[in-house]
Amino acid sequence: MTEIATVRVQILGREFPVACPAGQEHELEAAAEFVDNRMREIQEKTGNSALERLAVMAALNIAHEHLTGETKGSDDELRRLANQISATLERLSESETG
């Protein structure tokens, strides 16, 4: 059975607890930093500060780069990053409605 760790990540100054397999905390933190940077870039360009909208726009940009081959990571890395983004979006959605 896989041990689960909870990591508190910061996205746009907000903290989100995210579960991940034990031993992969650094990868999750790197993914959160990547997503945070992407969302900040989009926020600067658009002037939009709605967290959910920025998250969706960042996810779409990352997916587009992956699908068009503009990314430099391996498929496994991208899959892991996509899963972590999904988990963060889920937590974000829960915090917005809860």
N, C-alpha and C. Protein backbone atom coordinates (compact mmCIF):
# COMPACT_ATOMS: atom_id res chain seq x y z
N MET A 1 0.84 -1.18 0.00
CA MET A 1 0.00 0.00 0.00
C MET A 1 0.89 1.25 0.00
N THR A 2 0.55 2.21 -0.81
CA THR A 2 1.32 3.43 -0.93
C THR A 2 1.03 4.38 0.22
N GLU A 3 2.09 4.87 0.84
CA GLU A 3 1.94 5.86 1.89
C GLU A 3 1.63 7.21 1.25
N ILE A 4 0.76 7.97 1.89
CA ILE A 4 0.36 9.27 1.37
C ILE A 4 0.88 10.36 2.29
N ALA A 5 1.42 11.40 1.67
CA ALA A 5 1.89 12.57 2.40
C ALA A 5 1.01 13.75 2.01
N THR A 6 0.88 14.69 2.90
CA THR A 6 0.16 15.92 2.58
C THR A 6 1.15 17.07 2.57
N VAL A 7 1.14 17.81 1.47
CA VAL A 7 2.05 18.94 1.31
C VAL A 7 1.19 20.20 1.20
N ARG A 8 1.59 21.23 1.90
CA ARG A 8 0.90 22.52 1.79
C ARG A 8 1.65 23.34 0.75
N VAL A 9 0.96 23.65 -0.34
CA VAL A 9 1.58 24.42 -1.42
C VAL A 9 0.94 25.81 -1.49
N GLN A 10 1.69 26.75 -2.01
CA GLN A 10 1.21 28.12 -2.16
C GLN A 10 0.94 28.39 -3.64
N ILE A 11 -0.27 28.82 -3.93
CA ILE A 11 -0.65 29.24 -5.28
C ILE A 11 -1.26 30.62 -5.15
N LEU A 12 -0.64 31.60 -5.79
CA LEU A 12 -1.10 32.99 -5.72
C LEU A 12 -1.35 33.45 -4.28
N GLY A 13 -0.43 33.09 -3.41
CA GLY A 13 -0.51 33.54 -2.03
C GLY A 13 -1.51 32.79 -1.16
N ARG A 14 -2.16 31.79 -1.71
CA ARG A 14 -3.10 30.97 -0.94
C ARG A 14 -2.51 29.59 -0.72
N GLU A 15 -2.76 29.06 0.44
CA GLU A 15 -2.22 27.74 0.79
C GLU A 15 -3.24 26.66 0.52
N PHE A 16 -2.76 25.57 -0.10
CA PHE A 16 -3.61 24.43 -0.40
C PHE A 16 -2.94 23.15 0.08
N PRO A 17 -3.62 22.36 0.90
CA PRO A 17 -3.06 21.05 1.26
C PRO A 17 -3.35 20.07 0.13
N VAL A 18 -2.31 19.39 -0.35
CA VAL A 18 -2.46 18.47 -1.47
C VAL A 18 -1.81 17.14 -1.09
N ALA A 19 -2.53 16.05 -1.31
CA ALA A 19 -2.01 14.72 -1.03
C ALA A 19 -1.18 14.22 -2.20
N CYS A 20 -0.12 13.49 -1.86
CA CYS A 20 0.71 12.87 -2.90
C CYS A 20 1.40 11.65 -2.30
N PRO A 21 1.87 10.73 -3.14
CA PRO A 21 2.59 9.57 -2.61
C PRO A 21 3.83 10.03 -1.83
N ALA A 22 4.08 9.40 -0.70
CA ALA A 22 5.26 9.72 0.10
C ALA A 22 6.50 9.58 -0.76
N GLY A 23 7.41 10.52 -0.62
CA GLY A 23 8.62 10.51 -1.42
C GLY A 23 8.54 11.39 -2.65
N GLN A 24 7.34 11.84 -2.99
CA GLN A 24 7.17 12.70 -4.17
C GLN A 24 6.84 14.14 -3.79
N GLU A 25 7.11 14.49 -2.55
CA GLU A 25 6.79 15.83 -2.08
C GLU A 25 7.52 16.91 -2.88
N HIS A 26 8.78 16.67 -3.21
CA HIS A 26 9.56 17.68 -3.95
C HIS A 26 8.99 17.89 -5.35
N GLU A 27 8.55 16.81 -5.98
CA GLU A 27 7.95 16.95 -7.30
C GLU A 27 6.66 17.75 -7.23
N LEU A 28 5.87 17.50 -6.20
CA LEU A 28 4.62 18.25 -6.02
C LEU A 28 4.92 19.73 -5.78
N GLU A 29 5.91 20.01 -4.94
CA GLU A 29 6.28 21.40 -4.68
C GLU A 29 6.76 22.08 -5.96
N ALA A 30 7.53 21.37 -6.78
CA ALA A 30 8.00 21.92 -8.05
C ALA A 30 6.82 22.18 -8.99
N ALA A 31 5.87 21.26 -9.02
CA ALA A 31 4.68 21.44 -9.86
C ALA A 31 3.88 22.64 -9.39
N ALA A 32 3.73 22.79 -8.08
CA ALA A 32 2.98 23.93 -7.53
C ALA A 32 3.67 25.24 -7.88
N GLU A 33 4.99 25.25 -7.80
CA GLU A 33 5.73 26.46 -8.15
C GLU A 33 5.56 26.78 -9.63
N PHE A 34 5.59 25.75 -10.48
CA PHE A 34 5.39 25.92 -11.91
C PHE A 34 4.00 26.52 -12.19
N VAL A 35 2.98 25.94 -11.56
CA VAL A 35 1.61 26.41 -11.75
C VAL A 35 1.46 27.83 -11.21
N ASP A 36 2.02 28.10 -10.05
CA ASP A 36 1.96 29.44 -9.46
C ASP A 36 2.58 30.47 -10.41
N ASN A 37 3.75 30.14 -10.95
CA ASN A 37 4.41 31.07 -11.89
C ASN A 37 3.56 31.29 -13.13
N ARG A 38 2.99 30.21 -13.65
CA ARG A 38 2.16 30.32 -14.84
C ARG A 38 0.93 31.19 -14.58
N MET A 39 0.30 30.97 -13.43
CA MET A 39 -0.89 31.74 -13.08
C MET A 39 -0.53 33.22 -12.87
N ARG A 40 0.61 33.50 -12.28
CA ARG A 40 1.06 34.88 -12.09
C ARG A 40 1.31 35.57 -13.43
N GLU A 41 1.92 34.84 -14.37
CA GLU A 41 2.15 35.39 -15.71
C GLU A 41 0.82 35.77 -16.36
N ILE A 42 -0.15 34.88 -16.28
CA ILE A 42 -1.45 35.13 -16.88
C ILE A 42 -2.14 36.29 -16.17
N GLN A 43 -2.02 36.34 -14.86
CA GLN A 43 -2.62 37.44 -14.09
C GLN A 43 -2.03 38.78 -14.53
N GLU A 44 -0.72 38.83 -14.72
CA GLU A 44 -0.07 40.06 -15.16
C GLU A 44 -0.54 40.47 -16.55
N LYS A 45 -0.65 39.50 -17.45
CA LYS A 45 -1.05 39.80 -18.83
C LYS A 45 -2.50 40.22 -18.95
N THR A 46 -3.38 39.58 -18.17
CA THR A 46 -4.82 39.82 -18.33
C THR A 46 -5.39 40.81 -17.32
N GLY A 47 -4.70 40.98 -16.20
CA GLY A 47 -5.24 41.83 -15.14
C GLY A 47 -6.35 41.14 -14.36
N ASN A 48 -6.62 39.91 -14.70
CA ASN A 48 -7.67 39.14 -14.02
C ASN A 48 -7.11 38.55 -12.74
N SER A 49 -7.89 38.60 -11.66
CA SER A 49 -7.40 38.03 -10.41
C SER A 49 -8.32 36.94 -9.87
N ALA A 50 -9.29 36.50 -10.68
CA ALA A 50 -10.19 35.42 -10.26
C ALA A 50 -9.40 34.11 -10.28
N LEU A 51 -9.20 33.55 -9.11
CA LEU A 51 -8.34 32.38 -8.94
C LEU A 51 -8.76 31.20 -9.84
N GLU A 52 -10.04 30.90 -9.87
CA GLU A 52 -10.51 29.77 -10.67
C GLU A 52 -10.25 30.01 -12.16
N ARG A 53 -10.51 31.20 -12.63
CA ARG A 53 -10.29 31.51 -14.05
C ARG A 53 -8.81 31.42 -14.39
N LEU A 54 -7.95 31.95 -13.53
CA LEU A 54 -6.52 31.86 -13.77
C LEU A 54 -6.05 30.41 -13.79
N ALA A 55 -6.60 29.58 -12.91
CA ALA A 55 -6.23 28.17 -12.87
C ALA A 55 -6.63 27.46 -14.16
N VAL A 56 -7.82 27.74 -14.64
CA VAL A 56 -8.28 27.11 -15.88
C VAL A 56 -7.43 27.57 -17.06
N MET A 57 -7.13 28.86 -17.11
CA MET A 57 -6.32 29.38 -18.21
C MET A 57 -4.91 28.78 -18.18
N ALA A 58 -4.33 28.65 -16.99
CA ALA A 58 -3.00 28.04 -16.87
C ALA A 58 -3.05 26.58 -17.31
N ALA A 59 -4.07 25.84 -16.87
CA ALA A 59 -4.20 24.43 -17.25
C ALA A 59 -4.34 24.29 -18.77
N LEU A 60 -5.13 25.15 -19.37
CA LEU A 60 -5.30 25.10 -20.83
C LEU A 60 -3.99 25.42 -21.56
N ASN A 61 -3.26 26.40 -21.08
CA ASN A 61 -1.97 26.74 -21.70
C ASN A 61 -0.99 25.59 -21.58
N ILE A 62 -0.92 24.98 -20.40
CA ILE A 62 -0.01 23.86 -20.19
C ILE A 62 -0.42 22.67 -21.08
N ALA A 63 -1.71 22.39 -21.15
CA ALA A 63 -2.20 21.30 -22.00
C ALA A 63 -1.89 21.57 -23.47
N HIS A 64 -2.09 22.80 -23.90
CA HIS A 64 -1.81 23.16 -25.29
C HIS A 64 -0.34 22.95 -25.61
N GLU A 65 0.54 23.39 -24.72
CA GLU A 65 1.97 23.20 -24.94
C GLU A 65 2.31 21.71 -25.03
N HIS A 66 1.70 20.92 -24.18
CA HIS A 66 1.95 19.48 -24.20
C HIS A 66 1.46 18.86 -25.52
N LEU A 67 0.25 19.21 -25.93
CA LEU A 67 -0.34 18.61 -27.12
C LEU A 67 0.35 19.05 -28.41
N THR A 68 0.93 20.24 -28.40
CA THR A 68 1.61 20.72 -29.60
C THR A 68 3.11 20.43 -29.57
N GLY A 69 3.56 19.75 -28.52
CA GLY A 69 4.96 19.37 -28.43
C GLY A 69 5.89 20.50 -28.01
N GLU A 70 5.35 21.55 -27.45
CA GLU A 70 6.17 22.69 -27.05
C GLU A 70 6.80 22.51 -25.67
N THR A 71 6.52 21.39 -25.00
CA THR A 71 7.09 21.17 -23.67
C THR A 71 8.36 20.35 -23.80
N LYS A 72 9.18 20.40 -22.75
CA LYS A 72 10.45 19.69 -22.77
C LYS A 72 10.47 18.51 -21.82
N GLY A 73 9.40 18.28 -21.07
CA GLY A 73 9.36 17.20 -20.09
C GLY A 73 8.95 15.88 -20.72
N SER A 74 9.18 14.81 -20.00
CA SER A 74 8.77 13.49 -20.48
C SER A 74 7.27 13.33 -20.27
N ASP A 75 6.68 12.35 -20.93
CA ASP A 75 5.26 12.10 -20.79
C ASP A 75 4.90 11.77 -19.35
N ASP A 76 5.75 10.99 -18.67
CA ASP A 76 5.48 10.64 -17.28
C ASP A 76 5.50 11.88 -16.39
N GLU A 77 6.45 12.77 -16.62
CA GLU A 77 6.52 14.00 -15.85
C GLU A 77 5.28 14.86 -16.09
N LEU A 78 4.88 14.95 -17.34
CA LEU A 78 3.71 15.76 -17.68
C LEU A 78 2.43 15.15 -17.12
N ARG A 79 2.33 13.83 -17.14
CA ARG A 79 1.17 13.17 -16.56
C ARG A 79 1.09 13.45 -15.06
N ARG A 80 2.23 13.35 -14.40
CA ARG A 80 2.29 13.62 -12.96
C ARG A 80 1.93 15.08 -12.69
N LEU A 81 2.45 15.99 -13.50
CA LEU A 81 2.13 17.40 -13.34
C LEU A 81 0.64 17.65 -13.57
N ALA A 82 0.07 17.03 -14.59
CA ALA A 82 -1.36 17.18 -14.86
C ALA A 82 -2.19 16.67 -13.70
N ASN A 83 -1.80 15.55 -13.12
CA ASN A 83 -2.52 15.02 -11.96
C ASN A 83 -2.43 15.97 -10.78
N GLN A 84 -1.28 16.57 -10.58
CA GLN A 84 -1.11 17.50 -9.47
C GLN A 84 -1.90 18.78 -9.71
N ILE A 85 -1.94 19.23 -10.95
CA ILE A 85 -2.75 20.41 -11.29
C ILE A 85 -4.22 20.10 -11.03
N SER A 86 -4.64 18.92 -11.45
CA SER A 86 -6.03 18.52 -11.24
C SER A 86 -6.38 18.50 -9.76
N ALA A 87 -5.48 17.94 -8.95
CA ALA A 87 -5.73 17.89 -7.50
C ALA A 87 -5.79 19.29 -6.92
N THR A 88 -4.92 20.18 -7.38
CA THR A 88 -4.93 21.56 -6.89
C THR A 88 -6.21 22.27 -7.30
N LEU A 89 -6.64 22.05 -8.54
CA LEU A 89 -7.89 22.66 -9.00
C LEU A 89 -9.08 22.15 -8.19
N GLU A 90 -9.06 20.86 -7.87
CA GLU A 90 -10.13 20.28 -7.08
C GLU A 90 -10.18 20.94 -5.70
N ARG A 91 -9.03 21.07 -5.08
CA ARG A 91 -8.96 21.73 -3.76
C ARG A 91 -9.41 23.18 -3.87
N LEU A 92 -8.99 23.85 -4.93
CA LEU A 92 -9.36 25.24 -5.15
C LEU A 92 -10.86 25.37 -5.27
N SER A 93 -11.46 24.49 -6.03
CA SER A 93 -12.91 24.49 -6.22
C SER A 93 -13.63 24.25 -4.90
N GLU A 94 -13.11 23.32 -4.10
CA GLU A 94 -13.72 23.03 -2.80
C GLU A 94 -13.63 24.24 -1.87
N SER A 95 -12.50 24.96 -1.92
CA SER A 95 -12.34 26.10 -1.03
C SER A 95 -13.21 27.27 -1.48
N GLU A 96 -13.47 27.38 -2.77
CA GLU A 96 -14.33 28.45 -3.29
C GLU A 96 -15.80 28.24 -2.91
N THR A 97 -16.22 26.97 -2.85
CA THR A 97 -17.62 26.67 -2.54
C THR A 97 -17.84 26.39 -1.06
N GLY A 98 -16.77 26.11 -0.34
CA GLY A 98 -16.91 25.72 1.06
C GLY A 98 -16.63 26.85 1.93
